[in-house]
Amino acid sequence: MSKAAILFRVYPKDGLLNAAVEDIKRNMKPSDIKLEEVGFGIKIIKVLFTYDTAVSGSSEIEERLRGLDNVEEVEVEQDTLL
């Protein structure tokens, strides 16, 4: 049984940054969530999850993020064992 951490870059739908953050907090229970400006006033959401590899996988978490209404795109930035 191993623990892992995965950091996602989440791109919200246009004008729905705060709604996307609230969706993620309410539906996903992340370990940490931060906003990052990528340029020209555009912000993305960086979301960190820790999980037990015996119970869940990073692809399951990614699919759940993609399924949220206010999320446009999701990218894995970093994935590591703890």
N, C-alpha and C. Protein backbone atom coordinates (compact mmCIF):
# COMPACT_ATOMS: atom_id res chain seq x y z
N MET A 1 0.85 -1.17 0.00
CA MET A 1 0.00 0.00 0.00
C MET A 1 0.90 1.24 0.00
N SER A 2 0.80 2.04 -1.05
CA SER A 2 1.61 3.24 -1.20
C SER A 2 0.72 4.47 -1.25
N LYS A 3 1.29 5.57 -0.84
CA LYS A 3 0.62 6.85 -0.97
C LYS A 3 1.28 7.60 -2.12
N ALA A 4 0.50 8.36 -2.84
CA ALA A 4 1.02 9.14 -3.95
C ALA A 4 0.41 10.53 -3.91
N ALA A 5 1.06 11.44 -4.60
CA ALA A 5 0.56 12.80 -4.74
C ALA A 5 0.56 13.15 -6.21
N ILE A 6 -0.45 13.89 -6.61
CA ILE A 6 -0.54 14.33 -8.01
C ILE A 6 -0.99 15.78 -8.04
N LEU A 7 -0.31 16.55 -8.88
CA LEU A 7 -0.61 17.97 -9.03
C LEU A 7 -1.17 18.19 -10.44
N PHE A 8 -2.35 18.80 -10.49
CA PHE A 8 -3.01 19.08 -11.77
C PHE A 8 -3.01 20.57 -12.05
N ARG A 9 -2.95 20.90 -13.33
CA ARG A 9 -3.22 22.26 -13.81
C ARG A 9 -4.62 22.21 -14.40
N VAL A 10 -5.52 22.98 -13.82
CA VAL A 10 -6.92 22.96 -14.24
C VAL A 10 -7.24 24.30 -14.89
N TYR A 11 -7.76 24.24 -16.09
CA TYR A 11 -8.15 25.43 -16.84
C TYR A 11 -9.66 25.57 -16.75
N PRO A 12 -10.14 26.63 -16.11
CA PRO A 12 -11.59 26.80 -15.98
C PRO A 12 -12.19 27.32 -17.29
N LYS A 13 -13.49 27.13 -17.44
CA LYS A 13 -14.19 27.72 -18.59
C LYS A 13 -14.14 29.24 -18.44
N ASP A 14 -14.22 29.96 -19.55
CA ASP A 14 -14.11 31.42 -19.56
C ASP A 14 -15.03 32.06 -18.54
N GLY A 15 -14.44 32.89 -17.68
CA GLY A 15 -15.21 33.66 -16.71
C GLY A 15 -15.72 32.86 -15.52
N LEU A 16 -15.32 31.61 -15.40
CA LEU A 16 -15.87 30.76 -14.34
C LEU A 16 -14.79 30.26 -13.37
N LEU A 17 -13.75 31.06 -13.16
CA LEU A 17 -12.66 30.67 -12.28
C LEU A 17 -13.15 30.35 -10.87
N ASN A 18 -13.87 31.29 -10.26
CA ASN A 18 -14.34 31.07 -8.88
C ASN A 18 -15.32 29.90 -8.79
N ALA A 19 -16.17 29.75 -9.78
CA ALA A 19 -17.11 28.63 -9.78
C ALA A 19 -16.37 27.31 -9.90
N ALA A 20 -15.31 27.27 -10.72
CA ALA A 20 -14.52 26.04 -10.87
C ALA A 20 -13.81 25.69 -9.56
N VAL A 21 -13.26 26.70 -8.88
CA VAL A 21 -12.60 26.46 -7.60
C VAL A 21 -13.60 25.88 -6.60
N GLU A 22 -14.78 26.46 -6.52
CA GLU A 22 -15.80 25.97 -5.59
C GLU A 22 -16.25 24.55 -5.95
N ASP A 23 -16.40 24.26 -7.24
CA ASP A 23 -16.75 22.90 -7.67
C ASP A 23 -15.70 21.89 -7.22
N ILE A 24 -14.44 22.25 -7.42
CA ILE A 24 -13.35 21.34 -7.04
C ILE A 24 -13.34 21.11 -5.54
N LYS A 25 -13.44 22.19 -4.76
CA LYS A 25 -13.44 22.06 -3.30
C LYS A 25 -14.61 21.22 -2.81
N ARG A 26 -15.78 21.45 -3.36
CA ARG A 26 -17.00 20.79 -2.91
C ARG A 26 -17.04 19.31 -3.33
N ASN A 27 -16.61 19.00 -4.53
CA ASN A 27 -16.78 17.65 -5.08
C ASN A 27 -15.55 16.76 -4.99
N MET A 28 -14.37 17.33 -4.81
CA MET A 28 -13.16 16.53 -4.92
C MET A 28 -12.33 16.44 -3.64
N LYS A 29 -12.45 17.36 -2.73
CA LYS A 29 -11.69 17.37 -1.47
C LYS A 29 -10.18 17.31 -1.72
N PRO A 30 -9.60 18.35 -2.36
CA PRO A 30 -8.16 18.36 -2.64
C PRO A 30 -7.34 18.60 -1.38
N SER A 31 -6.09 18.20 -1.42
CA SER A 31 -5.15 18.47 -0.32
C SER A 31 -4.75 19.93 -0.31
N ASP A 32 -4.64 20.54 -1.50
CA ASP A 32 -4.28 21.95 -1.61
C ASP A 32 -4.80 22.47 -2.95
N ILE A 33 -5.10 23.76 -2.96
CA ILE A 33 -5.58 24.39 -4.19
C ILE A 33 -5.06 25.83 -4.21
N LYS A 34 -4.48 26.22 -5.36
CA LYS A 34 -3.92 27.56 -5.50
C LYS A 34 -4.22 28.08 -6.90
N LEU A 35 -4.20 29.41 -7.02
CA LEU A 35 -4.37 30.05 -8.32
C LEU A 35 -3.00 30.50 -8.81
N GLU A 36 -2.79 30.40 -10.12
CA GLU A 36 -1.54 30.85 -10.72
C GLU A 36 -1.85 31.66 -11.97
N GLU A 37 -1.26 32.84 -12.06
CA GLU A 37 -1.44 33.66 -13.25
C GLU A 37 -0.44 33.18 -14.30
N VAL A 38 -0.96 32.90 -15.50
CA VAL A 38 -0.10 32.40 -16.57
C VAL A 38 0.20 33.47 -17.61
N GLY A 39 -0.40 34.63 -17.46
CA GLY A 39 -0.10 35.74 -18.36
C GLY A 39 -1.36 36.42 -18.88
N PHE A 40 -1.23 37.71 -19.12
CA PHE A 40 -2.31 38.52 -19.68
C PHE A 40 -3.60 38.42 -18.85
N GLY A 41 -3.46 38.27 -17.53
CA GLY A 41 -4.61 38.20 -16.65
C GLY A 41 -5.30 36.84 -16.61
N ILE A 42 -4.75 35.86 -17.32
CA ILE A 42 -5.34 34.52 -17.34
C ILE A 42 -4.82 33.74 -16.14
N LYS A 43 -5.75 33.14 -15.41
CA LYS A 43 -5.38 32.36 -14.23
C LYS A 43 -5.82 30.91 -14.41
N ILE A 44 -4.99 30.02 -13.87
CA ILE A 44 -5.33 28.61 -13.83
C ILE A 44 -5.39 28.17 -12.38
N ILE A 45 -5.90 26.99 -12.17
CA ILE A 45 -6.02 26.44 -10.82
C ILE A 45 -5.03 25.28 -10.71
N LYS A 46 -4.21 25.32 -9.68
CA LYS A 46 -3.31 24.19 -9.40
C LYS A 46 -3.91 23.43 -8.23
N VAL A 47 -4.14 22.14 -8.45
CA VAL A 47 -4.83 21.32 -7.46
C VAL A 47 -3.97 20.11 -7.11
N LEU A 48 -3.74 19.93 -5.81
CA LEU A 48 -2.95 18.80 -5.32
C LEU A 48 -3.85 17.80 -4.63
N PHE A 49 -3.66 16.53 -4.98
CA PHE A 49 -4.38 15.44 -4.33
C PHE A 49 -3.37 14.43 -3.81
N THR A 50 -3.63 13.86 -2.66
CA THR A 50 -2.89 12.70 -2.20
C THR A 50 -3.88 11.55 -2.15
N TYR A 51 -3.39 10.36 -2.47
CA TYR A 51 -4.29 9.22 -2.53
C TYR A 51 -3.53 7.92 -2.26
N ASP A 52 -4.27 6.92 -1.88
CA ASP A 52 -3.74 5.59 -1.63
C ASP A 52 -3.78 4.83 -2.96
N THR A 53 -2.65 4.40 -3.45
CA THR A 53 -2.59 3.76 -4.77
C THR A 53 -3.33 2.43 -4.81
N ALA A 54 -3.54 1.81 -3.66
CA ALA A 54 -4.27 0.54 -3.62
C ALA A 54 -5.77 0.76 -3.79
N VAL A 55 -6.23 1.96 -3.49
CA VAL A 55 -7.67 2.26 -3.52
C VAL A 55 -8.06 3.04 -4.77
N SER A 56 -7.20 3.95 -5.20
CA SER A 56 -7.54 4.86 -6.28
C SER A 56 -6.34 5.04 -7.19
N GLY A 57 -6.58 5.64 -8.35
CA GLY A 57 -5.50 5.93 -9.29
C GLY A 57 -5.60 7.35 -9.78
N SER A 58 -4.51 7.85 -10.31
CA SER A 58 -4.50 9.24 -10.78
C SER A 58 -5.46 9.45 -11.95
N SER A 59 -5.65 8.44 -12.79
CA SER A 59 -6.55 8.60 -13.93
C SER A 59 -8.01 8.76 -13.47
N GLU A 60 -8.37 8.11 -12.37
CA GLU A 60 -9.72 8.27 -11.82
C GLU A 60 -9.94 9.70 -11.33
N ILE A 61 -8.94 10.25 -10.66
CA ILE A 61 -9.04 11.62 -10.16
C ILE A 61 -9.12 12.59 -11.34
N GLU A 62 -8.30 12.37 -12.35
CA GLU A 62 -8.30 13.23 -13.53
C GLU A 62 -9.66 13.20 -14.23
N GLU A 63 -10.25 12.05 -14.38
CA GLU A 63 -11.56 11.95 -15.03
C GLU A 63 -12.65 12.66 -14.24
N ARG A 64 -12.59 12.56 -12.92
CA ARG A 64 -13.56 13.28 -12.08
C ARG A 64 -13.41 14.78 -12.24
N LEU A 65 -12.16 15.28 -12.30
CA LEU A 65 -11.93 16.71 -12.52
C LEU A 65 -12.49 17.14 -13.87
N ARG A 66 -12.21 16.36 -14.91
CA ARG A 66 -12.70 16.68 -16.26
C ARG A 66 -14.23 16.72 -16.33
N GLY A 67 -14.88 15.95 -15.47
CA GLY A 67 -16.33 15.88 -15.47
C GLY A 67 -17.04 17.03 -14.77
N LEU A 68 -16.29 17.91 -14.11
CA LEU A 68 -16.91 19.04 -13.43
C LEU A 68 -17.39 20.08 -14.45
N ASP A 69 -18.54 20.67 -14.18
CA ASP A 69 -19.18 21.58 -15.13
C ASP A 69 -18.35 22.79 -15.54
N ASN A 70 -17.60 23.37 -14.61
CA ASN A 70 -16.89 24.62 -14.88
C ASN A 70 -15.44 24.43 -15.28
N VAL A 71 -15.05 23.20 -15.57
CA VAL A 71 -13.66 22.89 -15.95
C VAL A 71 -13.59 22.67 -17.45
N GLU A 72 -12.66 23.39 -18.08
CA GLU A 72 -12.46 23.27 -19.53
C GLU A 72 -11.43 22.18 -19.86
N GLU A 73 -10.27 22.22 -19.18
CA GLU A 73 -9.17 21.30 -19.50
C GLU A 73 -8.39 20.97 -18.23
N VAL A 74 -7.78 19.78 -18.22
CA VAL A 74 -6.99 19.31 -17.08
C VAL A 74 -5.68 18.73 -17.60
N GLU A 75 -4.57 19.09 -16.96
CA GLU A 75 -3.25 18.53 -17.29
C GLU A 75 -2.57 18.06 -16.01
N VAL A 76 -1.87 16.95 -16.09
CA VAL A 76 -1.07 16.49 -14.96
C VAL A 76 0.25 17.26 -15.01
N GLU A 77 0.58 17.94 -13.91
CA GLU A 77 1.85 18.65 -13.85
C GLU A 77 2.94 17.79 -13.20
N GLN A 78 2.55 17.07 -12.15
CA GLN A 78 3.52 16.25 -11.44
C GLN A 78 2.81 15.11 -10.75
N ASP A 79 3.43 13.94 -10.74
CA ASP A 79 2.87 12.74 -10.09
C ASP A 79 4.03 12.03 -9.41
N THR A 80 3.89 11.76 -8.11
CA THR A 80 5.00 11.15 -7.38
C THR A 80 4.52 10.28 -6.23
N LEU A 81 5.32 9.30 -5.86
CA LEU A 81 5.04 8.49 -4.69
C LEU A 81 5.51 9.23 -3.46
N LEU A 82 4.82 9.05 -2.36
CA LEU A 82 5.20 9.69 -1.09
C LEU A 82 5.91 8.70 -0.20
